[in-house]
Amino acid sequence: MRLTVNGETRDAPPGATLADLLASLGIESGRVAVERNREIAPKSLWSEIALEDGDQLEIVQFVGGG
């Protein structure tokens, strides 16, 4: 299936969850927020949210600094 992740087209296997996608991208869940189709995806549900063809995702990683 095809997804749009931060403006780029990506492929994901059918039945993949949001947690699966993040793992395949090498993104750890610590300081990350995900928006799926313009709605914030609760971190507690990432392993339950099944992705669908055409989903649009924005993934934001928080970075500390000083």
PDB file of N, CA and C in Angstrom:
ATOM      1  N   MET A   1       0.851  -1.176   0.000  1.00  0.00           N
ATOM      2  CA  MET A   1       0.000   0.000   0.000  1.00  0.00           C
ATOM      3  C   MET A   1       0.890   1.229   0.000  1.00  0.00           C
ATOM      4  N   ARG A   2       0.362   2.311  -0.487  1.00  0.00           N
ATOM      5  CA  ARG A   2       1.114   3.565  -0.584  1.00  0.00           C
ATOM      6  C   ARG A   2       0.654   4.555   0.470  1.00  0.00           C
ATOM      7  N   LEU A   3       1.628   5.158   1.114  1.00  0.00           N
ATOM      8  CA  LEU A   3       1.382   6.169   2.143  1.00  0.00           C
ATOM      9  C   LEU A   3       2.162   7.422   1.778  1.00  0.00           C
ATOM     10  N   THR A   4       1.759   8.532   2.333  1.00  0.00           N
ATOM     11  CA  THR A   4       2.545   9.751   2.225  1.00  0.00           C
ATOM     12  C   THR A   4       3.045  10.069   3.628  1.00  0.00           C
ATOM     13  N   VAL A   5       4.365  10.069   3.792  1.00  0.00           N
ATOM     14  CA  VAL A   5       4.989  10.311   5.088  1.00  0.00           C
ATOM     15  C   VAL A   5       5.841  11.566   4.972  1.00  0.00           C
ATOM     16  N   ASN A   6       5.454  12.597   5.696  1.00  0.00           N
ATOM     17  CA  ASN A   6       6.156  13.886   5.654  1.00  0.00           C
ATOM     18  C   ASN A   6       6.378  14.354   4.214  1.00  0.00           C
ATOM     19  N   GLY A   7       5.332  14.180   3.390  1.00  0.00           N
ATOM     20  CA  GLY A   7       5.370  14.662   2.015  1.00  0.00           C
ATOM     21  C   GLY A   7       6.004  13.715   1.010  1.00  0.00           C
ATOM     22  N   GLU A   8       6.542  12.582   1.459  1.00  0.00           N
ATOM     23  CA  GLU A   8       7.176  11.622   0.557  1.00  0.00           C
ATOM     24  C   GLU A   8       6.337  10.354   0.463  1.00  0.00           C
ATOM     25  N   THR A   9       6.231   9.804  -0.739  1.00  0.00           N
ATOM     26  CA  THR A   9       5.496   8.555  -0.930  1.00  0.00           C
ATOM     27  C   THR A   9       6.339   7.389  -0.445  1.00  0.00           C
ATOM     28  N   ARG A  10       5.710   6.518   0.325  1.00  0.00           N
ATOM     29  CA  ARG A  10       6.381   5.318   0.848  1.00  0.00           C
ATOM     30  C   ARG A  10       5.441   4.133   0.696  1.00  0.00           C
ATOM     31  N   ASP A  11       6.034   2.960   0.591  1.00  0.00           N
ATOM     32  CA  ASP A  11       5.251   1.726   0.540  1.00  0.00           C
ATOM     33  C   ASP A  11       5.269   1.063   1.905  1.00  0.00           C
ATOM     34  N   ALA A  12       4.179   0.400   2.230  1.00  0.00           N
ATOM     35  CA  ALA A  12       4.078  -0.373   3.472  1.00  0.00           C
ATOM     36  C   ALA A  12       3.304  -1.643   3.163  1.00  0.00           C
ATOM     37  N   PRO A  13       3.620  -2.729   3.852  1.00  0.00           N
ATOM     38  CA  PRO A  13       2.894  -3.973   3.603  1.00  0.00           C
ATOM     39  C   PRO A  13       1.455  -3.885   4.114  1.00  0.00           C
ATOM     40  N   PRO A  14       0.543  -4.589   3.467  1.00  0.00           N
ATOM     41  CA  PRO A  14      -0.843  -4.610   3.952  1.00  0.00           C
ATOM     42  C   PRO A  14      -0.886  -5.092   5.404  1.00  0.00           C
ATOM     43  N   GLY A  15      -1.738  -4.474   6.189  1.00  0.00           N
ATOM     44  CA  GLY A  15      -1.888  -4.864   7.589  1.00  0.00           C
ATOM     45  C   GLY A  15      -0.893  -4.202   8.524  1.00  0.00           C
ATOM     46  N   ALA A  16       0.000  -3.361   7.988  1.00  0.00           N
ATOM     47  CA  ALA A  16       0.989  -2.680   8.835  1.00  0.00           C
ATOM     48  C   ALA A  16       0.297  -1.704   9.775  1.00  0.00           C
ATOM     49  N   THR A  17       0.822  -1.608  10.976  1.00  0.00           N
ATOM     50  CA  THR A  17       0.310  -0.643  11.944  1.00  0.00           C
ATOM     51  C   THR A  17       1.210   0.579  11.957  1.00  0.00           C
ATOM     52  N   LEU A  18       0.776   1.587  12.637  1.00  0.00           N
ATOM     53  CA  LEU A  18       1.586   2.792  12.780  1.00  0.00           C
ATOM     54  C   LEU A  18       2.899   2.461  13.489  1.00  0.00           C
ATOM     55  N   ALA A  19       2.843   1.602  14.503  1.00  0.00           N
ATOM     56  CA  ALA A  19       4.058   1.186  15.210  1.00  0.00           C
ATOM     57  C   ALA A  19       5.010   0.455  14.268  1.00  0.00           C
ATOM     58  N   ASP A  20       4.474  -0.390  13.379  1.00  0.00           N
ATOM     59  CA  ASP A  20       5.307  -1.099  12.395  1.00  0.00           C
ATOM     60  C   ASP A  20       6.021  -0.107  11.487  1.00  0.00           C
ATOM     61  N   LEU A  21       5.300   0.898  11.027  1.00  0.00           N
ATOM     62  CA  LEU A  21       5.887   1.894  10.134  1.00  0.00           C
ATOM     63  C   LEU A  21       7.031   2.631  10.828  1.00  0.00           C
ATOM     64  N   LEU A  22       6.794   3.078  12.047  1.00  0.00           N
ATOM     65  CA  LEU A  22       7.833   3.802  12.776  1.00  0.00           C
ATOM     66  C   LEU A  22       9.065   2.929  12.962  1.00  0.00           C
ATOM     67  N   ALA A  23       8.865   1.662  13.293  1.00  0.00           N
ATOM     68  CA  ALA A  23       9.999   0.746  13.461  1.00  0.00           C
ATOM     69  C   ALA A  23      10.755   0.578  12.153  1.00  0.00           C
ATOM     70  N   SER A  24      10.043   0.460  11.039  1.00  0.00           N
ATOM     71  CA  SER A  24      10.710   0.286   9.746  1.00  0.00           C
ATOM     72  C   SER A  24      11.491   1.529   9.339  1.00  0.00           C
ATOM     73  N   LEU A  25      11.085   2.691   9.855  1.00  0.00           N
ATOM     74  CA  LEU A  25      11.791   3.943   9.573  1.00  0.00           C
ATOM     75  C   LEU A  25      12.911   4.201  10.579  1.00  0.00           C
ATOM     76  N   GLY A  26      13.036   3.322  11.581  1.00  0.00           N
ATOM     77  CA  GLY A  26      14.068   3.491  12.596  1.00  0.00           C
ATOM     78  C   GLY A  26      13.775   4.606  13.577  1.00  0.00           C
ATOM     79  N   ILE A  27      12.497   4.901  13.761  1.00  0.00           N
ATOM     80  CA  ILE A  27      12.086   5.981  14.662  1.00  0.00           C
ATOM     81  C   ILE A  27      11.628   5.390  15.984  1.00  0.00           C
ATOM     82  N   GLU A  28      12.287   5.788  17.065  1.00  0.00           N
ATOM     83  CA  GLU A  28      11.892   5.341  18.397  1.00  0.00           C
ATOM     84  C   GLU A  28      10.770   6.238  18.906  1.00  0.00           C
ATOM     85  N   SER A  29       9.906   5.671  19.699  1.00  0.00           N
ATOM     86  CA  SER A  29       8.693   6.376  20.106  1.00  0.00           C
ATOM     87  C   SER A  29       8.884   7.438  21.177  1.00  0.00           C
ATOM     88  N   GLY A  30      10.063   7.545  21.736  1.00  0.00           N
ATOM     89  CA  GLY A  30      10.301   8.446  22.861  1.00  0.00           C
ATOM     90  C   GLY A  30       9.776   9.854  22.717  1.00  0.00           C
ATOM     91  N   ARG A  31      10.294  10.615  21.782  1.00  0.00           N
ATOM     92  CA  ARG A  31       9.913  12.023  21.641  1.00  0.00           C
ATOM     93  C   ARG A  31       9.365  12.267  20.237  1.00  0.00           C
ATOM     94  N   VAL A  32       8.260  11.589  19.940  1.00  0.00           N
ATOM     95  CA  VAL A  32       7.683  11.647  18.603  1.00  0.00           C
ATOM     96  C   VAL A  32       6.186  11.904  18.702  1.00  0.00           C
ATOM     97  N   ALA A  33       5.677  12.697  17.774  1.00  0.00           N
ATOM     98  CA  ALA A  33       4.236  12.886  17.627  1.00  0.00           C
ATOM     99  C   ALA A  33       3.884  12.511  16.193  1.00  0.00           C
ATOM    100  N   VAL A  34       2.723  11.894  16.020  1.00  0.00           N
ATOM    101  CA  VAL A  34       2.298  11.469  14.689  1.00  0.00           C
ATOM    102  C   VAL A  34       0.890  11.980  14.417  1.00  0.00           C
ATOM    103  N   GLU A  35       0.738  12.567  13.238  1.00  0.00           N
ATOM    104  CA  GLU A  35      -0.558  12.998  12.765  1.00  0.00           C
ATOM    105  C   GLU A  35      -0.932  12.100  11.586  1.00  0.00           C
ATOM    106  N   ARG A  36      -2.095  11.492  11.651  1.00  0.00           N
ATOM    107  CA  ARG A  36      -2.577  10.618  10.568  1.00  0.00           C
ATOM    108  C   ARG A  36      -3.851  11.224  10.011  1.00  0.00           C
ATOM    109  N   ASN A  37      -3.796  11.581   8.740  1.00  0.00           N
ATOM    110  CA  ASN A  37      -4.958  12.182   8.070  1.00  0.00           C
ATOM    111  C   ASN A  37      -5.515  13.364   8.860  1.00  0.00           C
ATOM    112  N   ARG A  38      -4.586  14.212   9.291  1.00  0.00           N
ATOM    113  CA  ARG A  38      -4.897  15.471   9.996  1.00  0.00           C
ATOM    114  C   ARG A  38      -5.451  15.302  11.401  1.00  0.00           C
ATOM    115  N   GLU A  39      -5.264  14.116  11.983  1.00  0.00           N
ATOM    116  CA  GLU A  39      -5.663  13.898  13.374  1.00  0.00           C
ATOM    117  C   GLU A  39      -4.484  13.317  14.136  1.00  0.00           C
ATOM    118  N   ILE A  40      -4.255  13.813  15.345  1.00  0.00           N
ATOM    119  CA  ILE A  40      -3.171  13.292  16.170  1.00  0.00           C
ATOM    120  C   ILE A  40      -3.483  11.844  16.538  1.00  0.00           C
ATOM    121  N   ALA A  41      -2.500  10.972  16.333  1.00  0.00           N
ATOM    122  CA  ALA A  41      -2.649   9.560  16.685  1.00  0.00           C
ATOM    123  C   ALA A  41      -2.121   9.365  18.106  1.00  0.00           C
ATOM    124  N   PRO A  42      -2.966   8.962  19.038  1.00  0.00           N
ATOM    125  CA  PRO A  42      -2.514   8.759  20.420  1.00  0.00           C
ATOM    126  C   PRO A  42      -1.431   7.670  20.479  1.00  0.00           C
ATOM    127  N   LYS A  43      -0.350   7.972  21.168  1.00  0.00           N
ATOM    128  CA  LYS A  43       0.767   7.035  21.270  1.00  0.00           C
ATOM    129  C   LYS A  43       0.318   5.684  21.826  1.00  0.00           C
ATOM    130  N   SER A  44      -0.633   5.684  22.715  1.00  0.00           N
ATOM    131  CA  SER A  44      -1.098   4.435  23.322  1.00  0.00           C
ATOM    132  C   SER A  44      -1.787   3.511  22.315  1.00  0.00           C
ATOM    133  N   LEU A  45      -2.159   4.034  21.148  1.00  0.00           N
ATOM    134  CA  LEU A  45      -2.861   3.234  20.140  1.00  0.00           C
ATOM    135  C   LEU A  45      -2.011   2.908  18.912  1.00  0.00           C
ATOM    136  N   TRP A  46      -0.753   3.344  18.881  1.00  0.00           N
ATOM    137  CA  TRP A  46       0.071   3.143  17.683  1.00  0.00           C
ATOM    138  C   TRP A  46       0.132   1.691  17.237  1.00  0.00           C
ATOM    139  N   SER A  47       0.185   0.760  18.170  1.00  0.00           N
ATOM    140  CA  SER A  47       0.277  -0.657  17.778  1.00  0.00           C
ATOM    141  C   SER A  47      -1.071  -1.206  17.318  1.00  0.00           C
ATOM    142  N   GLU A  48      -2.136  -0.447  17.503  1.00  0.00           N
ATOM    143  CA  GLU A  48      -3.473  -0.884  17.105  1.00  0.00           C
ATOM    144  C   GLU A  48      -3.985  -0.182  15.855  1.00  0.00           C
ATOM    145  N   ILE A  49      -3.361   0.927  15.482  1.00  0.00           N
ATOM    146  CA  ILE A  49      -3.832   1.701  14.334  1.00  0.00           C
ATOM    147  C   ILE A  49      -3.314   1.059  13.050  1.00  0.00           C
ATOM    148  N   ALA A  50      -4.230   0.426  12.315  1.00  0.00           N
ATOM    149  CA  ALA A  50      -3.870  -0.198  11.043  1.00  0.00           C
ATOM    150  C   ALA A  50      -3.846   0.872   9.956  1.00  0.00           C
ATOM    151  N   LEU A  51      -2.736   0.932   9.250  1.00  0.00           N
ATOM    152  CA  LEU A  51      -2.610   1.908   8.172  1.00  0.00           C
ATOM    153  C   LEU A  51      -3.419   1.458   6.968  1.00  0.00           C
ATOM    154  N   GLU A  52      -3.877   2.442   6.191  1.00  0.00           N
ATOM    155  CA  GLU A  52      -4.671   2.161   5.002  1.00  0.00           C
ATOM    156  C   GLU A  52      -4.045   2.851   3.804  1.00  0.00           C
ATOM    157  N   ASP A  53      -4.255   2.260   2.631  1.00  0.00           N
ATOM    158  CA  ASP A  53      -3.731   2.836   1.408  1.00  0.00           C
ATOM    159  C   ASP A  53      -4.189   4.287   1.288  1.00  0.00           C
ATOM    160  N   GLY A  54      -3.251   5.176   1.011  1.00  0.00           N
ATOM    161  CA  GLY A  54      -3.579   6.589   0.842  1.00  0.00           C
ATOM    162  C   GLY A  54      -3.456   7.421   2.099  1.00  0.00           C
ATOM    163  N   ASP A  55      -3.162   6.793   3.243  1.00  0.00           N
ATOM    164  CA  ASP A  55      -2.998   7.563   4.480  1.00  0.00           C
ATOM    165  C   ASP A  55      -1.914   8.615   4.315  1.00  0.00           C
ATOM    166  N   GLN A  56      -2.145   9.762   4.939  1.00  0.00           N
ATOM    167  CA  GLN A  56      -1.149  10.829   4.960  1.00  0.00           C
ATOM    168  C   GLN A  56      -0.689  11.004   6.403  1.00  0.00           C
ATOM    169  N   LEU A  57       0.627  10.877   6.604  1.00  0.00           N
ATOM    170  CA  LEU A  57       1.198  10.928   7.943  1.00  0.00           C
ATOM    171  C   LEU A  57       2.226  12.050   8.035  1.00  0.00           C
ATOM    172  N   GLU A  58       2.219  12.711   9.153  1.00  0.00           N
ATOM    173  CA  GLU A  58       3.264  13.680   9.489  1.00  0.00           C
ATOM    174  C   GLU A  58       3.877  13.205  10.784  1.00  0.00           C
ATOM    175  N   ILE A  59       5.180  13.006  10.755  1.00  0.00           N
ATOM    176  CA  ILE A  59       5.899  12.524  11.932  1.00  0.00           C
ATOM    177  C   ILE A  59       6.858  13.617  12.375  1.00  0.00           C
ATOM    178  N   VAL A  60       6.739  14.018  13.643  1.00  0.00           N
ATOM    179  CA  VAL A  60       7.560  15.091  14.177  1.00  0.00           C
ATOM    180  C   VAL A  60       8.367  14.532  15.346  1.00  0.00           C
ATOM    181  N   GLN A  61       9.682  14.745  15.295  1.00  0.00           N
ATOM    182  CA  GLN A  61      10.558  14.332  16.400  1.00  0.00           C
ATOM    183  C   GLN A  61      10.984  15.578  17.150  1.00  0.00           C
ATOM    184  N   PHE A  62      10.863  15.524  18.473  1.00  0.00           N
ATOM    185  CA  PHE A  62      11.251  16.641  19.315  1.00  0.00           C
ATOM    186  C   PHE A  62      12.729  16.504  19.655  1.00  0.00           C
ATOM    187  N   VAL A  63      13.441  17.611  19.510  1.00  0.00           N
ATOM    188  CA  VAL A  63      14.879  17.608  19.757  1.00  0.00           C
ATOM    189  C   VAL A  63      15.176  18.663  20.818  1.00  0.00           C
ATOM    190  N   GLY A  64      15.915  18.250  21.836  1.00  0.00           N
ATOM    191  CA  GLY A  64      16.327  19.195  22.877  1.00  0.00           C
ATOM    192  C   GLY A  64      17.587  19.921  22.463  1.00  0.00           C
ATOM    193  N   GLY A  65      17.806  21.007  23.047  1.00  0.00           N
ATOM    194  CA  GLY A  65      19.014  21.760  22.733  1.00  0.00           C
ATOM    195  C   GLY A  65      19.152  22.931  23.689  1.00  0.00           C
ATOM    196  N   GLY A  66      20.212  23.628  23.506  1.00  0.00           N
ATOM    197  CA  GLY A  66      20.362  24.759  24.404  1.00  0.00           C
ATOM    198  C   GLY A  66      21.461  25.667  23.990  1.00  0.00           C
TER     199      GLY A  66
END
